[in-house]
Amino acid sequence: MFADIKLLVKRVIPQNAHHFIRWCMDSDYRAASQRERFRKVTLAVYDLTGGRVLRGPFQGLQYVRSDLICGACKLLGTYERELSGAIERIIAKGFATVINIGAGEGYYSVGLAMRMPGTRVVCYELQDHCQDYIRRMAEINGVGERVEIHGYCDPSCLAERLAAAEEPIAVICDVEGCEYELLDPVSMPRL
């Protein structure tokens, strides 16, 4: 019976209306549709820019064409534009070590390694496919030997890394709300 109803709906309702109704009623379908549109826009911008960041602190940074979505705003150089001044100050300071926790696909990690030739960049990223992307992007940008990639980072891991790292050290952290637990200056006075 249910199969007959589905067949009737497919015959009676035009395909565009069928997608619209499903989009209105199914949040998973809506999210998947939005991700697909975002992916297509990003790949179109990638093709138009040759995969290079056009503006901002990481202008010239080369991305790898992949299904991993880096975002058109990163390629256009508008991603987190409000942080550009802070990024330029980090670059000007000339830190010996940058620790990037929650490195994503490597926008900041590889970008900073590219702009800071004497700096060692240590990345922490949980997702394996993002770690692979960072590795590939670091290689095509000629900074692979100065970019270290690790998975999980907790306070003890960060404390060990801070103790072993060459100073001065910059820590960049974007871990979706876990910053309070990870960057506790009471338990980690070195911060």
C-alpha atoms as a PDB file:
ATOM      1  CA  MET A   1       0.000   0.000   0.000  1.00  0.00           C
ATOM      2  CA  PHE A   2       2.740   2.457   1.013  1.00  0.00           C
ATOM      3  CA  ALA A   3       4.661   1.710  -2.199  1.00  0.00           C
ATOM      4  CA  ASP A   4       1.533   2.486  -4.229  1.00  0.00           C
ATOM      5  CA  ILE A   5       1.138   5.852  -2.494  1.00  0.00           C
ATOM      6  CA  LYS A   6       4.797   6.720  -3.157  1.00  0.00           C
ATOM      7  CA  LEU A   7       4.363   5.821  -6.828  1.00  0.00           C
ATOM      8  CA  LEU A   8       1.220   7.955  -7.072  1.00  0.00           C
ATOM      9  CA  VAL A   9       2.983  10.912  -5.406  1.00  0.00           C
ATOM     10  CA  LYS A  10       5.879  10.622  -7.873  1.00  0.00           C
ATOM     11  CA  ARG A  11       3.434  10.665 -10.809  1.00  0.00           C
ATOM     12  CA  VAL A  12       1.199  13.476  -9.566  1.00  0.00           C
ATOM     13  CA  ILE A  13       3.653  15.885  -7.915  1.00  0.00           C
ATOM     14  CA  PRO A  14       6.273  17.468 -10.197  1.00  0.00           C
ATOM     15  CA  GLN A  15       9.900  16.661  -9.310  1.00  0.00           C
ATOM     16  CA  ASN A  16      10.719  20.239  -8.173  1.00  0.00           C
ATOM     17  CA  ALA A  17       7.676  20.317  -5.898  1.00  0.00           C
ATOM     18  CA  HIS A  18       8.607  16.892  -4.530  1.00  0.00           C
ATOM     19  CA  HIS A  19      12.069  18.222  -3.565  1.00  0.00           C
ATOM     20  CA  PHE A  20      10.541  21.360  -2.050  1.00  0.00           C
ATOM     21  CA  ILE A  21       8.076  19.378   0.073  1.00  0.00           C
ATOM     22  CA  ARG A  22      10.822  17.046   1.250  1.00  0.00           C
ATOM     23  CA  TRP A  23      13.084  20.039   1.965  1.00  0.00           C
ATOM     24  CA  CYS A  24      10.330  21.601   4.124  1.00  0.00           C
ATOM     25  CA  MET A  25       9.563  18.423   6.044  1.00  0.00           C
ATOM     26  CA  ASP A  26      12.943  16.689   6.467  1.00  0.00           C
ATOM     27  CA  SER A  27      15.691  18.545   8.327  1.00  0.00           C
ATOM     28  CA  ASP A  28      18.310  15.918   7.379  1.00  0.00           C
ATOM     29  CA  TYR A  29      17.433  16.347   3.698  1.00  0.00           C
ATOM     30  CA  ARG A  30      17.559  20.133   4.120  1.00  0.00           C
ATOM     31  CA  ALA A  31      20.998  19.948   5.765  1.00  0.00           C
ATOM     32  CA  ALA A  32      22.297  17.593   3.056  1.00  0.00           C
ATOM     33  CA  SER A  33      20.954  19.919   0.340  1.00  0.00           C
ATOM     34  CA  GLN A  34      22.663  22.909   1.934  1.00  0.00           C
ATOM     35  CA  ARG A  35      25.961  21.023   2.266  1.00  0.00           C
ATOM     36  CA  GLU A  36      25.756  20.031  -1.400  1.00  0.00           C
ATOM     37  CA  ARG A  37      25.097  23.632  -2.484  1.00  0.00           C
ATOM     38  CA  PHE A  38      27.995  24.814  -0.326  1.00  0.00           C
ATOM     39  CA  ARG A  39      30.245  22.131  -1.839  1.00  0.00           C
ATOM     40  CA  LYS A  40      29.335  23.164  -5.381  1.00  0.00           C
ATOM     41  CA  VAL A  41      29.944  26.855  -4.653  1.00  0.00           C
ATOM     42  CA  THR A  42      33.286  26.064  -3.013  1.00  0.00           C
ATOM     43  CA  LEU A  43      34.421  23.912  -5.932  1.00  0.00           C
ATOM     44  CA  ALA A  44      33.357  26.619  -8.415  1.00  0.00           C
ATOM     45  CA  VAL A  45      35.353  29.215  -6.463  1.00  0.00           C
ATOM     46  CA  TYR A  46      38.263  26.757  -6.273  1.00  0.00           C
ATOM     47  CA  ASP A  47      38.219  26.431 -10.066  1.00  0.00           C
ATOM     48  CA  LEU A  48      38.010  30.212 -10.553  1.00  0.00           C
ATOM     49  CA  THR A  49      40.898  30.936  -8.156  1.00  0.00           C
ATOM     50  CA  GLY A  50      43.056  27.989  -9.127  1.00  0.00           C
ATOM     51  CA  GLY A  51      42.767  26.901  -5.494  1.00  0.00           C
ATOM     52  CA  ARG A  52      44.815  29.850  -4.226  1.00  0.00           C
ATOM     53  CA  VAL A  53      43.705  32.210  -1.461  1.00  0.00           C
ATOM     54  CA  LEU A  54      43.175  35.594  -3.121  1.00  0.00           C
ATOM     55  CA  ARG A  55      43.413  38.027  -0.196  1.00  0.00           C
ATOM     56  CA  GLY A  56      44.012  38.286   3.517  1.00  0.00           C
ATOM     57  CA  PRO A  57      46.930  37.165   5.667  1.00  0.00           C
ATOM     58  CA  PHE A  58      47.363  33.898   3.761  1.00  0.00           C
ATOM     59  CA  GLN A  59      47.157  35.273   0.239  1.00  0.00           C
ATOM     60  CA  GLY A  60      48.725  32.781  -2.162  1.00  0.00           C
ATOM     61  CA  LEU A  61      48.123  29.747   0.073  1.00  0.00           C
ATOM     62  CA  GLN A  62      47.389  26.788  -2.223  1.00  0.00           C
ATOM     63  CA  TYR A  63      44.506  24.457  -1.408  1.00  0.00           C
ATOM     64  CA  VAL A  64      44.167  20.865  -2.576  1.00  0.00           C
ATOM     65  CA  ARG A  65      41.089  20.171  -4.706  1.00  0.00           C
ATOM     66  CA  SER A  66      39.125  17.627  -2.764  1.00  0.00           C
ATOM     67  CA  ASP A  67      35.710  16.735  -1.466  1.00  0.00           C
ATOM     68  CA  LEU A  68      36.824  18.212   1.851  1.00  0.00           C
ATOM     69  CA  ILE A  69      35.111  21.578   1.833  1.00  0.00           C
ATOM     70  CA  CYS A  70      37.471  24.390   2.757  1.00  0.00           C
ATOM     71  CA  GLY A  71      34.923  27.096   2.078  1.00  0.00           C
ATOM     72  CA  ALA A  72      34.740  29.703  -0.613  1.00  0.00           C
ATOM     73  CA  CYS A  73      35.318  32.441   1.984  1.00  0.00           C
ATOM     74  CA  LYS A  74      38.778  31.038   2.749  1.00  0.00           C
ATOM     75  CA  LEU A  75      39.728  30.996  -0.920  1.00  0.00           C
ATOM     76  CA  LEU A  76      38.408  34.532  -1.368  1.00  0.00           C
ATOM     77  CA  GLY A  77      40.349  35.690   1.706  1.00  0.00           C
ATOM     78  CA  THR A  78      37.325  36.841   3.686  1.00  0.00           C
ATOM     79  CA  TYR A  79      37.273  34.021   6.253  1.00  0.00           C
ATOM     80  CA  GLU A  80      37.401  35.423   9.814  1.00  0.00           C
ATOM     81  CA  ARG A  81      38.526  38.745   8.378  1.00  0.00           C
ATOM     82  CA  GLU A  82      38.154  40.329  11.820  1.00  0.00           C
ATOM     83  CA  LEU A  83      41.175  38.263  12.954  1.00  0.00           C
ATOM     84  CA  SER A  84      43.500  39.547  10.219  1.00  0.00           C
ATOM     85  CA  GLY A  85      45.116  42.140  12.508  1.00  0.00           C
ATOM     86  CA  ALA A  86      45.781  39.547  15.206  1.00  0.00           C
ATOM     87  CA  ILE A  87      47.216  37.128  12.630  1.00  0.00           C
ATOM     88  CA  GLU A  88      49.518  39.856  11.294  1.00  0.00           C
ATOM     89  CA  ARG A  89      50.710  40.579  14.863  1.00  0.00           C
ATOM     90  CA  ILE A  90      51.460  36.874  15.393  1.00  0.00           C
ATOM     91  CA  ILE A  91      53.426  36.836  12.143  1.00  0.00           C
ATOM     92  CA  ALA A  92      55.313  40.032  13.045  1.00  0.00           C
ATOM     93  CA  LYS A  93      56.209  38.704  16.506  1.00  0.00           C
ATOM     94  CA  GLY A  94      58.090  35.804  14.910  1.00  0.00           C
ATOM     95  CA  PHE A  95      57.128  32.990  17.276  1.00  0.00           C
ATOM     96  CA  ALA A  96      59.452  29.979  17.177  1.00  0.00           C
ATOM     97  CA  THR A  97      56.519  27.605  17.730  1.00  0.00           C
ATOM     98  CA  VAL A  98      52.821  27.860  16.915  1.00  0.00           C
ATOM     99  CA  ILE A  99      50.475  25.281  18.424  1.00  0.00           C
ATOM    100  CA  ASN A 100      47.139  25.083  16.610  1.00  0.00           C
ATOM    101  CA  ILE A 101      44.498  23.037  18.424  1.00  0.00           C
ATOM    102  CA  GLY A 102      41.429  22.284  16.333  1.00  0.00           C
ATOM    103  CA  ALA A 103      43.360  22.768  13.104  1.00  0.00           C
ATOM    104  CA  GLY A 104      40.550  21.752  10.729  1.00  0.00           C
ATOM    105  CA  GLU A 105      41.901  21.448   7.205  1.00  0.00           C
ATOM    106  CA  GLY A 106      44.962  23.555   8.015  1.00  0.00           C
ATOM    107  CA  TYR A 107      44.043  27.104   6.979  1.00  0.00           C
ATOM    108  CA  TYR A 108      45.836  28.679   9.954  1.00  0.00           C
ATOM    109  CA  SER A 109      48.486  25.976  10.416  1.00  0.00           C
ATOM    110  CA  VAL A 110      49.743  25.868   6.851  1.00  0.00           C
ATOM    111  CA  GLY A 111      49.077  29.574   6.311  1.00  0.00           C
ATOM    112  CA  LEU A 112      51.213  30.534   9.321  1.00  0.00           C
ATOM    113  CA  ALA A 113      53.952  28.092   8.346  1.00  0.00           C
ATOM    114  CA  MET A 114      53.982  29.677   4.888  1.00  0.00           C
ATOM    115  CA  ARG A 115      54.189  33.222   6.277  1.00  0.00           C
ATOM    116  CA  MET A 116      56.641  32.383   9.099  1.00  0.00           C
ATOM    117  CA  PRO A 117      59.566  30.512   7.515  1.00  0.00           C
ATOM    118  CA  GLY A 118      61.461  30.008  10.788  1.00  0.00           C
ATOM    119  CA  THR A 119      58.497  28.688  12.751  1.00  0.00           C
ATOM    120  CA  ARG A 120      57.552  25.130  13.693  1.00  0.00           C
ATOM    121  CA  VAL A 121      53.769  24.597  13.595  1.00  0.00           C
ATOM    122  CA  VAL A 122      52.216  21.834  15.690  1.00  0.00           C
ATOM    123  CA  CYS A 123      48.639  20.903  14.726  1.00  0.00           C
ATOM    124  CA  TYR A 124      46.056  18.993  16.685  1.00  0.00           C
ATOM    125  CA  GLU A 125      43.015  17.791  14.753  1.00  0.00           C
ATOM    126  CA  LEU A 126      40.781  14.849  15.673  1.00  0.00           C
ATOM    127  CA  GLN A 127      39.427  14.008  12.223  1.00  0.00           C
ATOM    128  CA  ASP A 128      41.675  11.695  10.208  1.00  0.00           C
ATOM    129  CA  HIS A 129      40.569  13.081   6.833  1.00  0.00           C
ATOM    130  CA  CYS A 130      41.437  16.605   8.024  1.00  0.00           C
ATOM    131  CA  GLN A 131      44.857  15.420   9.203  1.00  0.00           C
ATOM    132  CA  ASP A 132      45.472  13.971   5.741  1.00  0.00           C
ATOM    133  CA  TYR A 133      44.342  17.217   4.130  1.00  0.00           C
ATOM    134  CA  ILE A 134      46.703  19.272   6.336  1.00  0.00           C
ATOM    135  CA  ARG A 135      49.557  16.963   5.350  1.00  0.00           C
ATOM    136  CA  ARG A 136      48.795  17.299   1.634  1.00  0.00           C
ATOM    137  CA  MET A 137      48.300  21.056   1.829  1.00  0.00           C
ATOM    138  CA  ALA A 138      51.536  21.519   3.795  1.00  0.00           C
ATOM    139  CA  GLU A 139      53.430  19.553   1.141  1.00  0.00           C
ATOM    140  CA  ILE A 140      52.083  21.493  -1.851  1.00  0.00           C
ATOM    141  CA  ASN A 141      52.889  24.761  -0.063  1.00  0.00           C
ATOM    142  CA  GLY A 142      56.463  23.642   0.663  1.00  0.00           C
ATOM    143  CA  VAL A 143      56.164  23.660   4.462  1.00  0.00           C
ATOM    144  CA  GLY A 144      55.623  19.958   5.161  1.00  0.00           C
ATOM    145  CA  GLU A 145      58.862  19.569   7.094  1.00  0.00           C
ATOM    146  CA  ARG A 146      57.813  22.266   9.603  1.00  0.00           C
ATOM    147  CA  VAL A 147      54.210  21.169  10.174  1.00  0.00           C
ATOM    148  CA  GLU A 148      53.616  18.414  12.761  1.00  0.00           C
ATOM    149  CA  ILE A 149      50.189  16.793  12.810  1.00  0.00           C
ATOM    150  CA  HIS A 150      48.644  15.061  15.823  1.00  0.00           C
ATOM    151  CA  GLY A 151      45.159  13.902  16.827  1.00  0.00           C
ATOM    152  CA  TYR A 152      43.710  14.384  20.300  1.00  0.00           C
ATOM    153  CA  CYS A 153      44.955  17.097  22.642  1.00  0.00           C
ATOM    154  CA  ASP A 154      44.111  17.269  26.330  1.00  0.00           C
ATOM    155  CA  PRO A 155      45.604  19.464  29.085  1.00  0.00           C
ATOM    156  CA  SER A 156      48.419  16.999  29.887  1.00  0.00           C
ATOM    157  CA  CYS A 157      49.323  16.654  26.216  1.00  0.00           C
ATOM    158  CA  LEU A 158      49.343  20.446  25.810  1.00  0.00           C
ATOM    159  CA  ALA A 159      51.458  20.857  28.972  1.00  0.00           C
ATOM    160  CA  GLU A 160      54.036  18.398  27.599  1.00  0.00           C
ATOM    161  CA  ARG A 161      54.082  20.159  24.217  1.00  0.00           C
ATOM    162  CA  LEU A 162      54.505  23.581  25.847  1.00  0.00           C
ATOM    163  CA  ALA A 163      57.380  22.268  27.986  1.00  0.00           C
ATOM    164  CA  ALA A 164      59.174  20.797  24.952  1.00  0.00           C
ATOM    165  CA  ALA A 165      58.516  23.610  22.456  1.00  0.00           C
ATOM    166  CA  GLU A 166      60.999  26.277  21.513  1.00  0.00           C
ATOM    167  CA  GLU A 167      60.011  29.712  22.798  1.00  0.00           C
ATOM    168  CA  PRO A 168      58.363  32.081  22.130  1.00  0.00           C
ATOM    169  CA  ILE A 169      55.172  30.054  21.656  1.00  0.00           C
ATOM    170  CA  ALA A 170      51.770  31.067  20.277  1.00  0.00           C
ATOM    171  CA  VAL A 171      48.705  28.912  20.934  1.00  0.00           C
ATOM    172  CA  ILE A 172      45.734  29.120  18.591  1.00  0.00           C
ATOM    173  CA  CYS A 173      42.738  27.145  19.750  1.00  0.00           C
ATOM    174  CA  ASP A 174      39.277  26.601  18.279  1.00  0.00           C
ATOM    175  CA  VAL A 175      37.736  23.500  19.805  1.00  0.00           C
ATOM    176  CA  GLU A 176      34.052  24.377  19.909  1.00  0.00           C
ATOM    177  CA  GLY A 177      33.686  25.327  23.562  1.00  0.00           C
ATOM    178  CA  CYS A 178      36.286  23.027  25.126  1.00  0.00           C
ATOM    179  CA  GLU A 179      38.771  25.908  25.335  1.00  0.00           C
ATOM    180  CA  TYR A 180      37.893  26.482  29.008  1.00  0.00           C
ATOM    181  CA  GLU A 181      38.943  22.961  29.969  1.00  0.00           C
ATOM    182  CA  LEU A 182      41.981  22.854  27.706  1.00  0.00           C
ATOM    183  CA  LEU A 183      43.420  26.330  28.307  1.00  0.00           C
ATOM    184  CA  ASP A 184      43.174  26.516  32.082  1.00  0.00           C
ATOM    185  CA  PRO A 185      45.957  28.823  33.311  1.00  0.00           C
ATOM    186  CA  VAL A 186      45.527  27.549  36.889  1.00  0.00           C
ATOM    187  CA  SER A 187      46.385  23.950  35.966  1.00  0.00           C
ATOM    188  CA  MET A 188      48.839  25.090  33.285  1.00  0.00           C
ATOM    189  CA  PRO A 189      50.751  28.165  34.528  1.00  0.00           C
ATOM    190  CA  ARG A 190      52.924  28.180  31.400  1.00  0.00           C
ATOM    191  CA  LEU A 191      49.949  29.634  29.525  1.00  0.00           C
END
